[in-house]
Amino acid sequence: MKTFQSIILLVFCSTLLFTSCKSNQTSSATEIEEIFSLNTTSCMGPCPVFNLTLYGDKRLVFEGKQNTDLAGEYEKQLSEEQFDALMAIVESADWANLEEEYRSDMTDLPTQNFMYNRNGVIKKVMRYGAGPESISNLSDTILTFVEEQIFSEKTND
């Protein structure tokens, strides 16, 4: 009788273990990886404030908060051409060799927080008014591209 109870307990525990492993694998397999994000903060002037996230499935999520042509949340599945063009802008920065933080002594500047996760390079970079040329205008370039090439009325017809 004791052996029978042990077998039942073993079968129950095994079933529980396999079921929990299977559900964990399913949820992680369906998660789409974030490959780039950028968020900006406000300043005393007309600095654009927005969040942008690009996922590995070519989905772009944009939230315009202040001083952008796009106010509110937008989401779009990018075409191959749009994705490649946006990634060309993003990858113009030498992510592998950037430092984690660039800070200026000046005041009232917006902060730009970048996250890059692609081609084996995972990097978070905070920029406050300083930094190499490759990221000095990156936020503005990306914002202009997204407003004019991704979410403009002309491209959504």
N, C-alpha and C. Protein backbone atom coordinates (compact mmCIF):
# COMPACT_ATOMS: atom_id res chain seq x y z
N MET A 1 0.82 -1.20 0.00
CA MET A 1 0.00 0.00 0.00
C MET A 1 0.86 1.26 0.00
N LYS A 2 1.93 1.23 0.79
CA LYS A 2 2.82 2.38 0.86
C LYS A 2 3.49 2.63 -0.49
N THR A 3 3.84 1.58 -1.20
CA THR A 3 4.45 1.71 -2.52
C THR A 3 3.47 2.35 -3.50
N PHE A 4 2.21 1.94 -3.43
CA PHE A 4 1.18 2.50 -4.30
C PHE A 4 1.03 3.99 -4.06
N GLN A 5 1.02 4.41 -2.80
CA GLN A 5 0.91 5.83 -2.47
C GLN A 5 2.13 6.60 -2.98
N SER A 6 3.30 6.00 -2.87
CA SER A 6 4.52 6.64 -3.36
C SER A 6 4.47 6.83 -4.87
N ILE A 7 3.93 5.82 -5.58
CA ILE A 7 3.82 5.92 -7.03
C ILE A 7 2.84 7.03 -7.41
N ILE A 8 1.71 7.08 -6.74
CA ILE A 8 0.71 8.12 -7.00
C ILE A 8 1.33 9.50 -6.75
N LEU A 9 2.02 9.66 -5.65
CA LEU A 9 2.67 10.94 -5.32
C LEU A 9 3.71 11.30 -6.37
N LEU A 10 4.49 10.33 -6.81
CA LEU A 10 5.51 10.57 -7.83
C LEU A 10 4.87 11.00 -9.15
N VAL A 11 3.80 10.34 -9.56
CA VAL A 11 3.11 10.69 -10.80
C VAL A 11 2.53 12.10 -10.70
N PHE A 12 1.91 12.42 -9.56
CA PHE A 12 1.33 13.75 -9.35
C PHE A 12 2.40 14.83 -9.42
N CYS A 13 3.53 14.63 -8.74
CA CYS A 13 4.61 15.63 -8.74
C CYS A 13 5.22 15.78 -10.13
N SER A 14 5.39 14.67 -10.83
CA SER A 14 5.94 14.73 -12.19
C SER A 14 5.02 15.51 -13.12
N THR A 15 3.73 15.24 -13.02
CA THR A 15 2.76 15.95 -13.86
C THR A 15 2.79 17.44 -13.55
N LEU A 16 2.83 17.78 -12.29
CA LEU A 16 2.89 19.18 -11.88
C LEU A 16 4.15 19.85 -12.40
N LEU A 17 5.28 19.17 -12.30
CA LEU A 17 6.55 19.71 -12.76
C LEU A 17 6.54 19.94 -14.27
N PHE A 18 6.10 18.97 -15.03
CA PHE A 18 6.08 19.10 -16.49
C PHE A 18 5.10 20.17 -16.95
N THR A 19 3.97 20.27 -16.28
CA THR A 19 2.98 21.28 -16.66
C THR A 19 3.51 22.68 -16.40
N SER A 20 4.17 22.90 -15.27
CA SER A 20 4.69 24.24 -14.97
C SER A 20 5.84 24.60 -15.90
N CYS A 21 6.68 23.65 -16.26
CA CYS A 21 7.77 23.94 -17.20
C CYS A 21 7.22 24.28 -18.57
N LYS A 22 6.20 23.56 -19.01
CA LYS A 22 5.62 23.81 -20.31
C LYS A 22 5.01 25.20 -20.39
N SER A 23 4.29 25.63 -19.36
CA SER A 23 3.67 26.95 -19.41
C SER A 23 4.71 28.06 -19.36
N ASN A 24 5.82 27.87 -18.66
CA ASN A 24 6.88 28.87 -18.65
C ASN A 24 7.54 28.99 -20.01
N GLN A 25 7.76 27.87 -20.67
CA GLN A 25 8.37 27.91 -21.99
C GLN A 25 7.47 28.60 -22.99
N THR A 26 6.19 28.36 -22.91
CA THR A 26 5.25 28.96 -23.84
C THR A 26 5.23 30.48 -23.68
N SER A 27 5.18 30.97 -22.44
CA SER A 27 5.10 32.42 -22.26
C SER A 27 6.38 33.12 -22.68
N SER A 28 7.53 32.52 -22.43
CA SER A 28 8.77 33.18 -22.83
C SER A 28 8.98 33.10 -24.34
N ALA A 29 8.47 32.05 -24.96
CA ALA A 29 8.62 31.92 -26.40
C ALA A 29 7.75 32.92 -27.15
N THR A 30 6.62 33.33 -26.55
CA THR A 30 5.75 34.26 -27.23
C THR A 30 6.10 35.72 -26.94
N GLU A 31 6.96 35.98 -25.98
CA GLU A 31 7.37 37.36 -25.72
C GLU A 31 8.25 37.86 -26.86
N ILE A 32 7.94 39.03 -27.35
CA ILE A 32 8.72 39.62 -28.43
C ILE A 32 9.76 40.54 -27.80
N GLU A 33 10.98 40.36 -28.20
CA GLU A 33 12.09 41.10 -27.61
C GLU A 33 12.12 42.56 -28.03
N GLU A 34 12.37 43.40 -27.06
CA GLU A 34 12.55 44.83 -27.30
C GLU A 34 13.98 45.02 -27.81
N ILE A 35 14.13 45.62 -29.00
CA ILE A 35 15.48 45.77 -29.54
C ILE A 35 16.00 47.21 -29.46
N PHE A 36 15.09 48.16 -29.29
CA PHE A 36 15.52 49.54 -29.13
C PHE A 36 14.43 50.34 -28.44
N SER A 37 14.84 51.20 -27.52
CA SER A 37 13.88 52.13 -26.94
C SER A 37 14.58 53.46 -26.68
N LEU A 38 13.76 54.49 -26.66
CA LEU A 38 14.24 55.84 -26.40
C LEU A 38 13.15 56.58 -25.66
N ASN A 39 13.50 57.19 -24.54
CA ASN A 39 12.55 58.08 -23.90
C ASN A 39 13.27 59.36 -23.55
N THR A 40 12.53 60.45 -23.66
CA THR A 40 13.11 61.77 -23.42
C THR A 40 12.31 62.47 -22.34
N THR A 41 12.99 63.38 -21.62
CA THR A 41 12.33 64.14 -20.58
C THR A 41 12.19 65.59 -21.01
N SER A 42 11.44 66.33 -20.25
CA SER A 42 11.17 67.73 -20.59
C SER A 42 12.30 68.65 -20.16
N CYS A 43 12.20 69.88 -20.64
CA CYS A 43 13.09 70.96 -20.23
C CYS A 43 12.21 72.20 -20.09
N MET A 44 12.77 73.35 -19.77
CA MET A 44 11.96 74.56 -19.63
C MET A 44 11.46 75.08 -20.98
N GLY A 45 12.10 74.69 -22.06
CA GLY A 45 11.71 75.13 -23.40
C GLY A 45 10.82 74.12 -24.10
N PRO A 46 10.83 74.13 -25.42
CA PRO A 46 9.95 73.26 -26.22
C PRO A 46 10.58 71.90 -26.55
N CYS A 47 11.26 71.29 -25.63
CA CYS A 47 11.89 69.99 -25.89
C CYS A 47 10.83 68.92 -26.12
N PRO A 48 11.00 68.10 -27.15
CA PRO A 48 10.05 67.02 -27.37
C PRO A 48 10.17 65.96 -26.27
N VAL A 49 9.03 65.54 -25.76
CA VAL A 49 8.99 64.51 -24.73
C VAL A 49 8.21 63.34 -25.30
N PHE A 50 8.87 62.17 -25.38
CA PHE A 50 8.21 61.00 -25.96
C PHE A 50 8.88 59.72 -25.51
N ASN A 51 8.17 58.62 -25.71
CA ASN A 51 8.69 57.28 -25.52
C ASN A 51 8.54 56.55 -26.84
N LEU A 52 9.55 55.80 -27.21
CA LEU A 52 9.52 55.03 -28.45
C LEU A 52 10.10 53.65 -28.15
N THR A 53 9.44 52.61 -28.61
CA THR A 53 9.94 51.25 -28.42
C THR A 53 9.80 50.49 -29.72
N LEU A 54 10.87 49.84 -30.13
CA LEU A 54 10.89 49.01 -31.34
C LEU A 54 11.13 47.56 -30.92
N TYR A 55 10.29 46.68 -31.40
CA TYR A 55 10.37 45.26 -31.04
C TYR A 55 10.92 44.43 -32.20
N GLY A 56 11.39 43.25 -31.88
CA GLY A 56 11.99 42.35 -32.86
C GLY A 56 11.03 41.89 -33.94
N ASP A 57 9.72 41.97 -33.68
CA ASP A 57 8.75 41.60 -34.71
C ASP A 57 8.40 42.78 -35.62
N LYS A 58 9.21 43.85 -35.55
CA LYS A 58 9.09 45.07 -36.36
C LYS A 58 7.90 45.94 -35.96
N ARG A 59 7.45 45.78 -34.74
CA ARG A 59 6.36 46.62 -34.22
C ARG A 59 6.96 47.83 -33.52
N LEU A 60 6.43 49.00 -33.86
CA LEU A 60 6.90 50.25 -33.27
C LEU A 60 5.77 50.85 -32.45
N VAL A 61 6.10 51.22 -31.21
CA VAL A 61 5.15 51.88 -30.32
C VAL A 61 5.71 53.25 -30.00
N PHE A 62 4.91 54.28 -30.21
CA PHE A 62 5.33 55.65 -29.96
C PHE A 62 4.29 56.33 -29.08
N GLU A 63 4.77 57.04 -28.06
CA GLU A 63 3.90 57.84 -27.21
C GLU A 63 4.42 59.26 -27.16
N GLY A 64 3.72 60.15 -27.82
CA GLY A 64 4.08 61.57 -27.81
C GLY A 64 3.46 62.24 -26.61
N LYS A 65 4.29 62.85 -25.78
CA LYS A 65 3.78 63.46 -24.54
C LYS A 65 3.72 64.99 -24.63
N GLN A 66 4.78 65.62 -25.13
CA GLN A 66 4.82 67.08 -25.26
C GLN A 66 5.69 67.46 -26.45
N ASN A 67 5.30 68.53 -27.12
CA ASN A 67 6.12 69.14 -28.17
C ASN A 67 6.51 68.18 -29.29
N THR A 68 5.59 67.31 -29.65
CA THR A 68 5.79 66.44 -30.82
C THR A 68 4.59 66.61 -31.74
N ASP A 69 4.75 66.28 -33.01
CA ASP A 69 3.63 66.34 -33.95
C ASP A 69 2.61 65.25 -33.66
N LEU A 70 3.04 64.23 -32.93
CA LEU A 70 2.18 63.10 -32.61
C LEU A 70 1.89 63.11 -31.11
N ALA A 71 0.67 63.48 -30.74
CA ALA A 71 0.28 63.46 -29.33
C ALA A 71 -0.51 62.19 -29.07
N GLY A 72 -0.16 61.49 -28.02
CA GLY A 72 -0.85 60.25 -27.67
C GLY A 72 -0.07 59.03 -28.10
N GLU A 73 -0.74 57.87 -28.03
CA GLU A 73 -0.08 56.60 -28.34
C GLU A 73 -0.38 56.16 -29.76
N TYR A 74 0.67 55.64 -30.41
CA TYR A 74 0.57 55.12 -31.77
C TYR A 74 1.32 53.79 -31.82
N GLU A 75 0.80 52.89 -32.63
CA GLU A 75 1.47 51.61 -32.81
C GLU A 75 1.36 51.22 -34.27
N LYS A 76 2.44 50.65 -34.81
CA LYS A 76 2.41 50.26 -36.21
C LYS A 76 3.36 49.09 -36.45
N GLN A 77 2.93 48.18 -37.28
CA GLN A 77 3.78 47.10 -37.75
C GLN A 77 4.55 47.67 -38.95
N LEU A 78 5.86 47.79 -38.82
CA LEU A 78 6.66 48.41 -39.87
C LEU A 78 6.85 47.47 -41.05
N SER A 79 6.93 48.06 -42.23
CA SER A 79 7.31 47.28 -43.40
C SER A 79 8.81 46.99 -43.29
N GLU A 80 9.27 46.10 -44.12
CA GLU A 80 10.71 45.77 -44.13
C GLU A 80 11.55 47.02 -44.41
N GLU A 81 11.09 47.85 -45.35
CA GLU A 81 11.82 49.06 -45.71
C GLU A 81 11.85 50.07 -44.56
N GLN A 82 10.71 50.26 -43.89
CA GLN A 82 10.66 51.18 -42.75
C GLN A 82 11.55 50.69 -41.61
N PHE A 83 11.48 49.40 -41.33
CA PHE A 83 12.30 48.82 -40.27
C PHE A 83 13.78 49.00 -40.58
N ASP A 84 14.18 48.67 -41.81
CA ASP A 84 15.59 48.80 -42.18
C ASP A 84 16.06 50.25 -42.11
N ALA A 85 15.22 51.18 -42.54
CA ALA A 85 15.59 52.60 -42.50
C ALA A 85 15.74 53.09 -41.06
N LEU A 86 14.80 52.70 -40.20
CA LEU A 86 14.89 53.10 -38.80
C LEU A 86 16.11 52.47 -38.13
N MET A 87 16.37 51.21 -38.41
CA MET A 87 17.53 50.55 -37.83
C MET A 87 18.84 51.16 -38.33
N ALA A 88 18.86 51.63 -39.57
CA ALA A 88 20.07 52.30 -40.08
C ALA A 88 20.35 53.56 -39.27
N ILE A 89 19.30 54.30 -38.91
CA ILE A 89 19.49 55.48 -38.08
C ILE A 89 19.98 55.08 -36.70
N VAL A 90 19.31 54.10 -36.09
CA VAL A 90 19.67 53.64 -34.74
C VAL A 90 21.10 53.12 -34.72
N GLU A 91 21.46 52.33 -35.71
CA GLU A 91 22.77 51.68 -35.71
C GLU A 91 23.89 52.59 -36.22
N SER A 92 23.56 53.85 -36.49
CA SER A 92 24.62 54.81 -36.81
C SER A 92 25.46 55.12 -35.57
N ALA A 93 24.92 54.83 -34.40
CA ALA A 93 25.68 54.99 -33.15
C ALA A 93 26.51 53.73 -32.91
N ASP A 94 27.67 53.91 -32.36
CA ASP A 94 28.56 52.79 -32.06
C ASP A 94 28.23 52.25 -30.67
N TRP A 95 27.11 51.53 -30.57
CA TRP A 95 26.57 51.12 -29.28
C TRP A 95 27.57 50.35 -28.43
N ALA A 96 28.33 49.48 -29.03
CA ALA A 96 29.26 48.64 -28.26
C ALA A 96 30.31 49.48 -27.54
N ASN A 97 30.64 50.64 -28.07
CA ASN A 97 31.70 51.45 -27.47
C ASN A 97 31.20 52.68 -26.73
N LEU A 98 29.90 52.83 -26.58
CA LEU A 98 29.37 53.97 -25.84
C LEU A 98 29.45 53.72 -24.34
N GLU A 99 29.61 54.79 -23.60
CA GLU A 99 29.58 54.70 -22.14
C GLU A 99 28.13 54.66 -21.70
N GLU A 100 27.90 54.31 -20.43
CA GLU A 100 26.53 54.22 -19.92
C GLU A 100 25.93 55.59 -19.61
N GLU A 101 26.77 56.59 -19.42
CA GLU A 101 26.25 57.91 -19.05
C GLU A 101 27.11 59.03 -19.61
N TYR A 102 26.43 60.03 -20.14
CA TYR A 102 27.08 61.26 -20.60
C TYR A 102 26.32 62.41 -19.96
N ARG A 103 27.05 63.29 -19.25
CA ARG A 103 26.40 64.35 -18.50
C ARG A 103 27.13 65.67 -18.69
N SER A 104 26.35 66.71 -18.92
CA SER A 104 26.88 68.06 -19.03
C SER A 104 26.60 68.80 -17.73
N ASP A 105 27.39 69.84 -17.46
CA ASP A 105 27.15 70.68 -16.27
C ASP A 105 26.07 71.72 -16.52
N MET A 106 25.64 71.86 -17.75
CA MET A 106 24.60 72.83 -18.07
C MET A 106 23.28 72.40 -17.40
N THR A 107 22.39 73.36 -17.22
CA THR A 107 21.11 73.03 -16.61
C THR A 107 19.98 73.18 -17.63
N ASP A 108 18.83 72.64 -17.27
CA ASP A 108 17.61 72.72 -18.06
C ASP A 108 17.75 72.04 -19.43
N LEU A 109 18.38 70.89 -19.46
CA LEU A 109 18.47 70.11 -20.69
C LEU A 109 17.59 68.87 -20.56
N PRO A 110 17.10 68.37 -21.67
CA PRO A 110 16.33 67.12 -21.59
C PRO A 110 17.29 65.94 -21.40
N THR A 111 16.80 64.91 -20.77
CA THR A 111 17.55 63.66 -20.65
C THR A 111 17.03 62.70 -21.70
N GLN A 112 17.95 61.99 -22.32
CA GLN A 112 17.59 60.97 -23.30
C GLN A 112 18.10 59.63 -22.79
N ASN A 113 17.20 58.69 -22.68
CA ASN A 113 17.55 57.34 -22.23
C ASN A 113 17.38 56.38 -23.40
N PHE A 114 18.50 55.80 -23.83
CA PHE A 114 18.52 54.87 -24.94
C PHE A 114 18.71 53.45 -24.41
N MET A 115 18.08 52.48 -25.07
CA MET A 115 18.35 51.07 -24.81
C MET A 115 18.48 50.39 -26.16
N TYR A 116 19.59 49.70 -26.35
CA TYR A 116 19.87 49.00 -27.60
C TYR A 116 20.14 47.55 -27.26
N ASN A 117 19.48 46.63 -27.99
CA ASN A 117 19.64 45.20 -27.73
C ASN A 117 19.58 44.47 -29.07
N ARG A 118 20.74 44.36 -29.70
CA ARG A 118 20.76 43.72 -31.02
C ARG A 118 22.17 43.25 -31.34
N ASN A 119 22.27 42.20 -32.13
CA ASN A 119 23.55 41.68 -32.61
C ASN A 119 24.53 41.40 -31.47
N GLY A 120 24.00 40.90 -30.36
CA GLY A 120 24.85 40.55 -29.22
C GLY A 120 25.28 41.72 -28.36
N VAL A 121 24.82 42.91 -28.67
CA VAL A 121 25.16 44.11 -27.89
C VAL A 121 23.92 44.55 -27.12
N ILE A 122 24.04 44.62 -25.82
CA ILE A 122 22.96 45.13 -24.98
C ILE A 122 23.53 46.34 -24.24
N LYS A 123 22.93 47.50 -24.48
CA LYS A 123 23.49 48.73 -23.91
C LYS A 123 22.38 49.68 -23.51
N LYS A 124 22.52 50.27 -22.33
CA LYS A 124 21.66 51.36 -21.87
C LYS A 124 22.55 52.59 -21.75
N VAL A 125 22.11 53.68 -22.36
CA VAL A 125 22.90 54.91 -22.36
C VAL A 125 22.00 56.07 -21.95
N MET A 126 22.47 56.84 -20.97
CA MET A 126 21.77 58.04 -20.55
C MET A 126 22.58 59.23 -21.04
N ARG A 127 21.88 60.16 -21.71
CA ARG A 127 22.55 61.34 -22.26
C ARG A 127 21.87 62.59 -21.73
N TYR A 128 22.67 63.46 -21.11
CA TYR A 128 22.18 64.75 -20.64
C TYR A 128 23.11 65.83 -21.17
N GLY A 129 22.89 66.25 -22.42
CA GLY A 129 23.63 67.36 -23.01
C GLY A 129 25.06 67.09 -23.42
N ALA A 130 25.54 65.91 -23.27
CA ALA A 130 26.93 65.60 -23.65
C ALA A 130 26.94 64.25 -24.35
N GLY A 131 28.08 63.92 -24.90
CA GLY A 131 28.22 62.62 -25.54
C GLY A 131 28.80 62.73 -26.92
N PRO A 132 29.16 61.61 -27.50
CA PRO A 132 29.77 61.61 -28.83
C PRO A 132 28.78 62.04 -29.90
N GLU A 133 29.32 62.44 -31.02
CA GLU A 133 28.51 62.93 -32.14
C GLU A 133 27.48 61.91 -32.60
N SER A 134 27.81 60.62 -32.51
CA SER A 134 26.90 59.59 -33.01
C SER A 134 25.56 59.56 -32.29
N ILE A 135 25.50 60.09 -31.06
CA ILE A 135 24.21 60.13 -30.36
C ILE A 135 23.75 61.55 -30.04
N SER A 136 24.53 62.56 -30.42
CA SER A 136 24.17 63.93 -30.04
C SER A 136 22.86 64.39 -30.67
N ASN A 137 22.57 63.99 -31.89
CA ASN A 137 21.32 64.37 -32.55
C ASN A 137 20.43 63.17 -32.85
N LEU A 138 20.76 62.03 -32.28
CA LEU A 138 20.05 60.80 -32.59
C LEU A 138 18.57 60.88 -32.22
N SER A 139 18.26 61.45 -31.08
CA SER A 139 16.88 61.58 -30.64
C SER A 139 16.06 62.41 -31.63
N ASP A 140 16.59 63.55 -32.05
CA ASP A 140 15.89 64.42 -33.01
C ASP A 140 15.73 63.73 -34.37
N THR A 141 16.76 63.04 -34.81
CA THR A 141 16.71 62.35 -36.10
C THR A 141 15.65 61.25 -36.08
N ILE A 142 15.62 60.49 -35.01
CA ILE A 142 14.62 59.42 -34.88
C ILE A 142 13.22 60.01 -34.82
N LEU A 143 13.02 61.07 -34.03
CA LEU A 143 11.70 61.69 -33.92
C LEU A 143 11.23 62.20 -35.28
N THR A 144 12.08 62.88 -36.01
CA THR A 144 11.72 63.38 -37.33
C THR A 144 11.34 62.23 -38.27
N PHE A 145 12.14 61.17 -38.26
CA PHE A 145 11.86 60.01 -39.12
C PHE A 145 10.51 59.39 -38.77
N VAL A 146 10.26 59.19 -37.48
CA VAL A 146 9.00 58.57 -37.05
C VAL A 146 7.81 59.44 -37.41
N GLU A 147 7.92 60.74 -37.18
CA GLU A 147 6.81 61.65 -37.50
C GLU A 147 6.56 61.76 -39.00
N GLU A 148 7.62 61.82 -39.79
CA GLU A 148 7.47 62.07 -41.23
C GLU A 148 7.36 60.81 -42.08
N GLN A 149 8.00 59.72 -41.66
CA GLN A 149 8.06 58.53 -42.49
C GLN A 149 7.21 57.36 -41.99
N ILE A 150 6.91 57.32 -40.71
CA ILE A 150 6.17 56.18 -40.17
C ILE A 150 4.70 56.53 -39.92
N PHE A 151 4.46 57.62 -39.20
CA PHE A 151 3.11 57.93 -38.78
C PHE A 151 2.50 59.14 -39.49
N SER A 152 3.10 59.60 -40.55
CA SER A 152 2.51 60.75 -41.25
C SER A 152 1.27 60.28 -42.03
N GLU A 153 0.38 61.23 -42.32
CA GLU A 153 -0.84 60.90 -43.06
C GLU A 153 -0.51 60.36 -44.46
N LYS A 154 0.59 60.85 -45.05
CA LYS A 154 0.96 60.42 -46.40
C LYS A 154 1.35 58.95 -46.43
N THR A 155 2.01 58.45 -45.35
CA THR A 155 2.45 57.05 -45.34
C THR A 155 1.35 56.10 -44.88
N ASN A 156 0.26 56.62 -44.35
CA ASN A 156 -0.81 55.76 -43.84
C ASN A 156 -2.01 55.63 -44.80
N ASP A 157 -1.89 56.14 -46.00
CA ASP A 157 -2.99 56.06 -46.97
C ASP A 157 -3.18 54.66 -47.49
